[in-house]
Protein backbone atom coordinates (compact mmCIF):
# COMPACT_ATOMS: atom_id res chain seq x y z
CA UNK A 1 -5.16 -10.06 -2.21
CA UNK A 2 -4.71 -6.76 -4.05
CA UNK A 3 -2.11 -5.16 -6.28
CA UNK A 4 0.11 -2.46 -4.79
CA UNK A 5 -1.98 0.55 -5.79
CA UNK A 6 0.49 3.22 -4.69
CA UNK A 7 3.33 1.53 -6.56
CA UNK A 8 1.19 1.29 -9.70
CA UNK A 9 0.49 5.02 -9.54
CA UNK A 10 4.15 5.87 -8.97
CA UNK A 11 5.18 3.78 -11.96
CA UNK A 12 2.60 5.32 -14.30
CA UNK A 13 3.81 8.75 -13.20
CA UNK A 14 7.46 7.73 -13.67
CA UNK A 15 6.80 6.31 -17.14
CA UNK A 16 5.16 9.60 -18.12
CA UNK A 17 8.55 11.31 -17.97
CA UNK A 18 9.60 9.57 -21.18
CA UNK A 19 8.03 11.73 -23.88
CA UNK A 20 6.76 14.49 -21.62
CA UNK A 21 6.92 18.00 -23.16
CA UNK A 22 9.99 19.97 -22.09
CA UNK A 23 9.26 21.69 -18.79
CA UNK A 24 5.88 19.98 -18.58
CA UNK A 25 4.15 17.97 -15.89
CA UNK A 26 2.09 14.77 -15.79
CA UNK A 27 -0.97 16.82 -16.78
CA UNK A 28 0.71 17.84 -20.04
CA UNK A 29 0.51 14.31 -21.44
CA UNK A 30 3.10 12.44 -23.44
CA UNK A 31 4.39 11.97 -26.98
CA UNK A 32 6.01 8.53 -26.84
CA UNK A 33 5.76 7.62 -30.50
CA UNK A 34 6.79 4.09 -31.44
CA UNK A 35 10.54 3.84 -32.21
CA UNK A 36 11.28 7.33 -30.85
CA UNK A 37 13.94 8.07 -28.23
CA UNK A 38 11.14 8.35 -25.66
CA UNK A 39 9.83 4.92 -26.66
CA UNK A 40 13.28 3.37 -26.36
CA UNK A 41 13.77 4.93 -22.93
CA UNK A 42 10.28 3.98 -21.73
CA UNK A 43 10.82 0.38 -22.80
CA UNK A 44 14.14 0.34 -20.96
CA UNK A 45 12.43 1.64 -17.82
CA UNK A 46 9.70 -1.03 -17.93
CA UNK A 47 12.21 -3.83 -18.57
CA UNK A 48 14.16 -2.60 -15.54
CA UNK A 49 11.02 -2.96 -13.42
CA UNK A 50 10.50 -6.47 -14.79
CA UNK A 51 14.05 -7.49 -13.87
CA UNK A 52 13.65 -5.99 -10.40
CA UNK A 53 10.58 -8.22 -9.99
CA UNK A 54 12.66 -11.30 -10.76
CA UNK A 55 11.47 -11.66 -14.35
CA UNK A 56 13.66 -12.07 -17.42
CA UNK A 57 12.33 -9.86 -20.21
CA UNK A 58 12.68 -11.20 -23.74
CA UNK A 59 12.34 -9.12 -26.90
CA UNK A 60 10.93 -11.06 -29.83
CA UNK A 61 12.04 -10.32 -33.42
CA UNK A 62 9.15 -7.84 -33.85
CA UNK A 63 10.18 -5.83 -30.78
CA UNK A 64 7.46 -7.05 -28.40
CA UNK A 65 8.60 -7.54 -24.79
CA UNK A 66 7.62 -10.78 -23.01
CA UNK A 67 8.36 -12.22 -19.57
CA UNK A 68 7.20 -15.52 -18.07
CA UNK A 69 6.38 -16.74 -14.59
CA UNK A 70 6.48 -20.52 -14.25
CA UNK A 71 3.28 -22.45 -13.53
CA UNK A 72 2.71 -25.70 -11.70
CA UNK A 73 2.20 -27.59 -14.98
CA UNK A 74 4.76 -26.69 -17.62
CA UNK A 75 2.76 -28.57 -20.26
CA UNK A 76 -0.11 -26.08 -20.06
CA UNK A 77 -0.16 -23.04 -22.35
CA UNK A 78 0.42 -19.70 -20.60
CA UNK A 79 -2.17 -17.12 -19.68
CA UNK A 80 -1.01 -14.07 -21.65
CA UNK A 81 -1.81 -10.52 -20.51
CA UNK A 82 -0.53 -6.99 -21.05
CA UNK A 83 -0.88 -3.95 -23.29
CA UNK A 84 1.41 -1.30 -24.88
CA UNK A 85 3.31 1.85 -23.84
CA UNK A 86 3.70 3.78 -27.11
CA UNK A 87 1.41 6.78 -27.57
CA UNK A 88 -0.04 9.07 -30.18
CA UNK A 89 1.48 12.55 -30.50
CA UNK A 90 0.31 14.65 -27.55
CA UNK A 91 -1.42 11.67 -26.00
CA UNK A 92 -2.28 10.73 -22.46
CA UNK A 93 -0.61 8.75 -19.68
CA UNK A 94 -3.11 5.91 -19.25
CA UNK A 95 -3.75 4.51 -22.73
CA UNK A 96 -1.74 1.27 -22.76
CA UNK A 97 0.42 2.21 -19.79
CA UNK A 98 -2.20 1.10 -17.26
CA UNK A 99 -2.54 -2.37 -18.76
CA UNK A 100 1.20 -2.91 -19.17
CA UNK A 101 2.17 -1.86 -15.65
CA UNK A 102 -0.85 -3.63 -14.11
CA UNK A 103 0.31 -6.86 -15.75
CA UNK A 104 3.57 -6.57 -13.85
CA UNK A 105 1.73 -5.57 -10.67
CA UNK A 106 -0.41 -8.71 -10.91
CA UNK A 107 2.64 -10.97 -11.09
CA UNK A 108 4.22 -9.16 -8.16
CA UNK A 109 1.02 -9.54 -6.10
CA UNK A 110 0.98 -13.29 -6.75
CA UNK A 111 4.63 -13.52 -5.73
CA UNK A 112 3.99 -11.53 -2.56
CA UNK A 113 1.06 -13.79 -1.64
CA UNK A 114 2.99 -16.95 -2.46
CA UNK A 115 0.31 -18.08 -4.90
CA UNK A 116 1.29 -20.46 -7.67
CA UNK A 117 -0.89 -20.90 -10.74
CA UNK A 118 -1.32 -24.11 -12.71
CA UNK A 119 -0.71 -22.32 -15.99
CA UNK A 120 2.48 -20.41 -16.69
CA UNK A 121 1.85 -16.66 -16.76
CA UNK A 122 3.24 -14.46 -19.49
CA UNK A 123 3.10 -10.67 -19.51
CA UNK A 124 3.63 -8.69 -22.69
CA UNK A 125 4.33 -5.10 -23.65
CA UNK A 126 3.35 -4.86 -27.30
CA UNK A 127 5.44 -2.62 -29.53
CA UNK A 128 3.92 -0.06 -31.91
CA UNK A 129 0.22 -0.31 -31.07
CA UNK A 130 -0.77 3.20 -32.10
CA UNK A 131 -1.30 3.88 -35.79
CA UNK A 132 0.92 6.97 -36.12
CA UNK A 133 4.28 5.47 -37.11
CA UNK A 134 4.26 4.09 -40.66
CA UNK A 135 0.50 4.64 -40.75
CA UNK A 136 0.04 1.21 -39.14
CA UNK A 137 -1.83 0.31 -35.98
CA UNK A 138 -1.43 -2.84 -33.86
CA UNK A 139 1.74 -3.30 -35.90
CA UNK A 140 3.72 -5.71 -33.77
CA UNK A 141 0.90 -7.75 -32.25
CA UNK A 142 -0.18 -8.08 -35.88
CA UNK A 143 3.22 -9.62 -36.65
CA UNK A 144 2.78 -11.99 -33.70
CA UNK A 145 -0.53 -13.03 -35.28
CA UNK A 146 1.30 -13.80 -38.54
CA UNK A 147 0.26 -10.75 -40.55
CA UNK A 148 3.54 -9.53 -42.08
CA UNK A 149 5.23 -9.61 -45.48
CA UNK A 150 8.82 -8.85 -46.48
CA UNK A 151 7.59 -5.71 -48.26
CA UNK A 152 6.22 -4.38 -44.96
CA UNK A 153 9.74 -4.12 -43.61
CA UNK A 154 10.81 -1.87 -46.50
CA UNK A 155 8.22 0.81 -45.72
CA UNK A 156 9.74 4.21 -44.96
CA UNK A 157 8.46 6.73 -42.43
CA UNK A 158 10.28 9.82 -41.19
CA UNK A 159 13.28 8.73 -43.26
CA UNK A 160 13.49 5.39 -41.42
CA UNK A 161 12.92 1.93 -42.87
CA UNK A 162 10.58 -0.19 -40.82
CA UNK A 163 13.22 -2.91 -40.51
CA UNK A 164 15.63 -0.37 -39.00
CA UNK A 165 12.91 0.91 -36.67
CA UNK A 166 12.37 -2.60 -35.35
CA UNK A 167 16.12 -3.00 -34.82
CA UNK A 168 16.10 0.26 -32.87
CA UNK A 169 13.86 -1.24 -30.20
CA UNK A 170 15.79 -4.50 -29.97
CA UNK A 171 13.93 -6.58 -32.55
CA UNK A 172 15.46 -8.59 -35.35
CA UNK A 173 13.72 -8.08 -38.71
CA UNK A 174 15.96 -10.72 -40.32
CA UNK A 175 14.15 -13.31 -38.19
CA UNK A 176 10.73 -11.69 -38.24
CA UNK A 177 8.92 -14.96 -39.01
CA UNK A 178 10.01 -16.26 -35.60
CA UNK A 179 7.85 -13.59 -33.91
CA UNK A 180 4.73 -15.42 -35.04
CA UNK A 181 2.82 -17.15 -32.25
CA UNK A 182 0.94 -20.32 -33.08
CA UNK A 183 -2.81 -20.64 -32.73
CA UNK A 184 -3.63 -22.09 -29.34
CA UNK A 185 -0.21 -21.17 -27.95
CA UNK A 186 -1.82 -19.36 -25.01
CA UNK A 187 -4.69 -20.43 -22.76
CA UNK A 188 -6.28 -17.02 -23.14
CA UNK A 189 -5.33 -13.37 -23.49
CA UNK A 190 -6.39 -10.63 -21.05
CA UNK A 191 -5.95 -6.89 -21.45
CA UNK A 192 -6.80 -4.12 -19.00
CA UNK A 193 -7.41 -0.76 -20.63
CA UNK A 194 -9.08 2.58 -20.07
CA UNK A 195 -12.44 2.71 -21.85
CA UNK A 196 -11.52 5.76 -23.99
CA UNK A 197 -15.23 6.57 -24.04
CA UNK A 198 -17.74 7.86 -21.52
CA UNK A 199 -20.14 4.95 -20.99
CA UNK A 200 -18.75 3.67 -17.67
CA UNK A 201 -18.41 7.11 -16.11
CA UNK A 202 -21.88 8.11 -17.29
CA UNK A 203 -23.48 5.01 -15.77
CA UNK A 204 -21.34 4.99 -12.61
CA UNK A 205 -20.11 1.44 -13.25
CA UNK A 206 -16.45 0.81 -12.31
CA UNK A 207 -15.70 -2.22 -14.50
CA UNK A 208 -16.49 -2.83 -18.15
CA UNK A 209 -16.43 -6.35 -19.57
CA UNK A 210 -15.69 -6.05 -23.27
CA UNK A 211 -17.98 -8.06 -25.53
CA UNK A 212 -15.73 -7.54 -28.52
CA UNK A 213 -13.84 -5.04 -30.62
CA UNK A 214 -15.97 -3.55 -33.36
CA UNK A 215 -15.79 -4.22 -37.07
CA UNK A 216 -14.69 -1.22 -39.15
CA UNK A 217 -15.57 -0.47 -42.77
CA UNK A 218 -13.93 2.52 -44.46
CA UNK A 219 -14.93 4.10 -47.75
CA UNK A 220 -13.75 6.96 -49.93
CA UNK A 221 -16.56 8.89 -51.57
CA UNK A 222 -15.89 11.01 -54.66
CA UNK A 223 -18.44 13.67 -55.55
CA UNK A 224 -18.04 15.08 -59.06
CA UNK A 225 -19.75 18.29 -60.06
CA UNK A 226 -18.62 21.15 -62.28
CA UNK A 227 -16.39 24.03 -61.24
CA UNK A 228 -17.77 27.37 -62.41
CA UNK A 229 -17.81 31.07 -61.58
CA UNK A 230 -19.38 31.76 -58.18
CA UNK A 231 -20.75 35.14 -59.23
CA UNK A 232 -22.22 34.41 -62.64
CA UNK A 233 -23.68 30.92 -62.29
CA UNK A 234 -27.32 30.87 -61.08
CA UNK A 235 -28.09 28.61 -58.14
CA UNK A 236 -30.41 26.42 -60.19
CA UNK A 237 -27.69 25.75 -62.77
CA UNK A 238 -24.95 24.77 -60.34
CA UNK A 239 -23.35 21.33 -60.01
CA UNK A 240 -21.94 21.97 -56.53
CA UNK A 241 -19.83 19.03 -55.33
CA UNK A 242 -19.38 20.46 -51.84
CA UNK A 243 -23.12 20.97 -51.37
CA UNK A 244 -23.63 17.30 -52.28
CA UNK A 245 -20.82 16.29 -49.91
CA UNK A 246 -22.49 18.24 -47.10
CA UNK A 247 -25.78 16.42 -47.69
CA UNK A 248 -23.89 13.12 -47.84
CA UNK A 249 -22.27 13.87 -44.47
CA UNK A 250 -25.71 14.35 -42.95
CA UNK A 251 -26.88 11.16 -44.68
CA UNK A 252 -24.14 9.20 -42.92
CA UNK A 253 -25.34 10.45 -39.55
CA UNK A 254 -28.96 9.71 -40.44
CA UNK A 255 -28.12 6.15 -41.51
CA UNK A 256 -26.26 5.52 -38.26
CA UNK A 257 -28.93 6.97 -35.97
CA UNK A 258 -31.93 5.48 -37.75
CA UNK A 259 -31.87 2.30 -35.63
CA UNK A 260 -31.09 1.84 -31.90
CA UNK A 261 -27.64 0.57 -30.98
CA UNK A 262 -24.05 1.59 -30.31
CA UNK A 263 -23.02 1.82 -33.97
CA UNK A 264 -21.14 4.95 -35.06
CA UNK A 265 -20.29 6.59 -38.35
CA UNK A 266 -17.86 9.40 -39.12
CA UNK A 267 -16.97 11.66 -42.01
CA UNK A 268 -13.59 12.81 -40.78
CA UNK A 269 -11.82 14.06 -43.90
CA UNK A 270 -12.97 16.21 -46.83
CA UNK A 271 -10.92 17.63 -49.70
CA UNK A 272 -12.47 20.21 -52.02
CA UNK A 273 -11.26 21.18 -55.49
CA UNK A 274 -10.45 23.85 -56.54
CA UNK A 275 -11.00 25.14 -52.98
CA UNK A 276 -11.29 28.78 -53.99
CA UNK A 277 -13.72 31.31 -52.48
CA UNK A 278 -15.02 32.47 -55.86
CA UNK A 279 -15.33 29.08 -57.59
CA UNK A 280 -18.17 26.60 -57.22
CA UNK A 281 -16.52 23.36 -56.03
CA UNK A 282 -16.25 20.87 -58.87
CA UNK A 283 -14.90 17.94 -56.85
CA UNK A 284 -15.21 16.79 -53.25
CA UNK A 285 -13.57 13.72 -51.76
CA UNK A 286 -14.54 12.51 -48.30
CA UNK A 287 -13.92 9.59 -45.98
CA UNK A 288 -16.69 7.51 -44.44
CA UNK A 289 -15.96 5.21 -41.50
CA UNK A 290 -18.56 2.88 -39.97
CA UNK A 291 -18.09 0.86 -36.76
CA UNK A 292 -20.18 -1.77 -34.98
CA UNK A 293 -19.81 -5.26 -33.55
CA UNK A 294 -22.16 -6.56 -36.28
CA UNK A 295 -20.67 -6.65 -39.81
CA UNK A 296 -24.20 -7.01 -41.18
CA UNK A 297 -25.23 -3.76 -39.54
CA UNK A 298 -22.34 -2.04 -41.33
CA UNK A 299 -23.62 -3.40 -44.66
CA UNK A 300 -27.15 -2.22 -43.88
CA UNK A 301 -25.95 1.29 -42.97
CA UNK A 302 -23.88 1.56 -46.14
CA UNK A 303 -26.82 0.40 -48.26
CA UNK A 304 -28.83 3.22 -46.65
CA UNK A 305 -26.06 5.72 -47.43
CA UNK A 306 -25.83 4.58 -51.06
CA UNK A 307 -29.58 4.96 -51.53
CA UNK A 308 -29.54 8.47 -50.10
CA UNK A 309 -26.48 9.32 -52.24
CA UNK A 310 -28.46 8.57 -55.41
CA UNK A 311 -31.10 11.07 -54.32
CA UNK A 312 -28.47 13.66 -53.40
CA UNK A 313 -26.68 13.26 -56.73
CA UNK A 314 -29.94 13.76 -58.64
CA UNK A 315 -30.95 16.87 -56.69
CA UNK A 316 -27.49 18.51 -56.89
CA UNK A 317 -26.72 17.49 -60.48
CA UNK A 318 -23.57 15.65 -59.43
CA UNK A 319 -22.31 12.08 -59.43
CA UNK A 320 -21.27 10.20 -56.28
CA UNK A 321 -19.04 7.14 -56.32
CA UNK A 322 -17.85 4.96 -53.42
CA UNK A 323 -14.73 2.86 -53.02
CA UNK A 324 -14.23 0.58 -50.04
CA UNK A 325 -10.72 1.09 -48.68
CA UNK A 326 -10.71 -1.11 -45.59
CA UNK A 327 -12.75 -3.78 -43.88
CA UNK A 328 -11.73 -5.01 -40.44
CA UNK A 329 -13.65 -7.94 -38.98
CA UNK A 330 -14.86 -7.74 -35.38
CA UNK A 331 -12.91 -9.50 -32.66
CA UNK A 332 -15.37 -11.18 -30.32
CA UNK A 333 -14.35 -11.77 -26.71
CA UNK A 334 -14.64 -15.35 -25.47
CA UNK A 335 -17.84 -15.93 -23.44
CA UNK A 336 -15.82 -17.92 -20.90
CA UNK A 337 -13.30 -15.09 -20.48
CA UNK A 338 -16.07 -12.52 -20.15
CA UNK A 339 -17.68 -14.66 -17.45
CA UNK A 340 -14.33 -15.04 -15.69
CA UNK A 341 -13.85 -11.27 -15.63
CA UNK A 342 -17.35 -10.84 -14.23
CA UNK A 343 -16.62 -13.36 -11.46
CA UNK A 344 -13.39 -11.50 -10.71
CA UNK A 345 -15.29 -8.22 -10.35
CA UNK A 346 -17.97 -9.86 -8.18
CA UNK A 347 -15.29 -11.25 -5.87
CA UNK A 348 -14.24 -7.65 -5.22
CA UNK A 349 -17.84 -6.44 -4.81
CA UNK A 350 -17.50 -4.37 -7.97
CA UNK A 351 -20.38 -3.83 -10.37
CA UNK A 352 -19.64 -4.58 -14.01
CA UNK A 353 -21.42 -4.28 -17.32
CA UNK A 354 -20.77 -5.58 -20.80
CA UNK A 355 -19.99 -3.17 -23.62
CA UNK A 356 -18.21 -3.15 -26.98
CA UNK A 357 -14.88 -1.48 -27.66
CA UNK A 358 -15.15 1.16 -30.34
CA UNK A 359 -11.36 1.50 -30.49
CA UNK A 360 -8.84 -1.01 -31.76
CA UNK A 361 -6.58 -2.91 -29.36
CA UNK A 362 -3.86 -5.55 -29.54
CA UNK A 363 -6.48 -7.92 -28.12
CA UNK A 364 -8.10 -8.13 -31.54
CA UNK A 365 -4.91 -9.60 -32.98
CA UNK A 366 -4.72 -12.11 -30.14
CA UNK A 367 -8.33 -13.08 -30.82
CA UNK A 368 -7.00 -14.61 -34.05
CA UNK A 369 -4.88 -16.99 -32.00
CA UNK A 370 -7.04 -17.90 -29.02
CA UNK A 371 -9.71 -16.78 -26.54
CA UNK A 372 -9.41 -13.17 -25.41
CA UNK A 373 -11.09 -10.79 -23.03
CA UNK A 374 -10.70 -7.14 -22.04
CA UNK A 375 -11.35 -5.20 -18.85
CA UNK A 376 -12.28 -1.52 -19.11
CA UNK A 377 -12.11 1.15 -16.40
CA UNK A 378 -13.74 4.60 -16.70
CA UNK A 379 -12.20 7.46 -18.64
CA UNK A 380 -13.05 10.83 -17.13
CA UNK A 381 -15.16 12.74 -19.62
CA UNK A 382 -14.65 9.95 -22.15
CA UNK A 383 -11.41 11.70 -23.19
CA UNK A 384 -8.46 9.80 -24.66
CA UNK A 385 -5.60 10.42 -27.11
CA UNK A 386 -5.24 13.79 -25.40
CA UNK A 387 -3.13 15.24 -22.56
CA UNK A 388 -6.47 15.58 -20.73
CA UNK A 389 -6.91 11.80 -20.73
CA UNK A 390 -7.45 10.81 -17.11
CA UNK A 391 -8.69 7.90 -15.02
CA UNK A 392 -9.11 8.13 -11.25
CA UNK A 393 -6.30 6.34 -9.43
CA UNK A 394 -8.84 4.30 -7.46
CA UNK A 395 -10.31 3.08 -10.75
CA UNK A 396 -6.83 2.17 -11.98
CA UNK A 397 -6.29 0.06 -8.87
CA UNK A 398 -9.72 -1.57 -9.17
CA UNK A 399 -9.01 -2.51 -12.76
CA UNK A 400 -5.64 -4.00 -11.83
CA UNK A 401 -7.27 -5.97 -9.02
CA UNK A 402 -9.86 -7.34 -11.45
CA UNK A 403 -7.06 -8.31 -13.85
CA UNK A 404 -5.32 -10.17 -11.02
CA UNK A 405 -8.49 -12.02 -10.02
CA UNK A 406 -9.36 -12.72 -13.67
CA UNK A 407 -5.97 -14.41 -14.12
CA UNK A 408 -6.81 -16.69 -11.20
CA UNK A 409 -10.29 -17.33 -12.57
CA UNK A 410 -8.94 -18.31 -15.97
CA UNK A 411 -6.31 -20.51 -14.35
CA UNK A 412 -9.17 -22.74 -13.14
CA UNK A 413 -10.68 -23.08 -16.61
CA UNK A 414 -10.13 -26.14 -18.82
CA UNK A 415 -9.22 -25.47 -22.47
CA UNK A 416 -11.84 -23.03 -23.65
CA UNK A 417 -14.50 -24.47 -25.90
CA UNK A 418 -15.29 -21.19 -27.60
CA UNK A 419 -12.03 -21.26 -29.54
CA UNK A 420 -11.51 -23.61 -32.45
CA UNK A 421 -8.12 -24.07 -34.08
């Protein structure tokens, strides 16, 4: 039993029309920003496919799209699976789209084979996963996990209140509390996604079994020196904030690479004041982002960075201060779900390996409610969030087949011990 690979490809290509640059092709990527006209049209297209498959799509108050297939035992919680279809500006055609359309393909394959599961099946297309609109990521799966306040709905972006944006995609912000899903309300959550990194392609392994979604700690660093004339101030007398910031940037890399592992650290934003060619910088502000599955490793790396910062400040005659701006806990995949995905891959004679996800996904919100697992397929060149994002069509089909088999594997499982209410 396999999903209809050609149909899956045709649907991903058809969905790419919504948000494609004017006069462009599939290779030119897509800008299907949450709440945009392209997002509204793309959602309408996917709901049309769901209806054609005999499903009845339902939009919850947050704007997430759900559809259920009955199981043999209506008292059992559903197996939930899906992804998103919104994109970043000038994004690719596989991020989210593959998982959403494969969820539908899996249900259609079960229907075609006449297979009935014990658990009800529920597919979902999450709204507003990408962090562009309103500066929020995982926005509507976050609401489903119970993370929303009335003030959130008054946020304004592009001249639009968030409440009005949710209405635009069919949600109902006046009843937003009803979008919350209870803990234990699903048997498990599965999500198929492109890796968005290069590990699977580099190792030649077709299926990745996600161990978890990494923890993220973000800091702002403020380097204070003294702005002075670039021509008349001797080097030894300078308090150069940008020089200190440059050394601090290297220190972040050194702290991350000092021990083996998959941890990463990034200085992605620097502001310099007064930012003039003939003035020694008196102030530099930079971002530091650290990611790893182990929160303790993040603490250790930051301790290393702080120690090096004291040395840098002394040698450059500056001061360096840190402020933590965000801390996101890791979302660990259920061991039982990981094992079920591995069995699914083995049943298709596909090699798999376990790896962490360095990017955020709706799955991390669902991990707050019950057991979750993710399936990765290779990204060519490790490229994502770009029109050049690409996954081989054969790999797309393999991933969808593993999702289908993983659903059947999890249907056999009793309530999963790894999750505690």
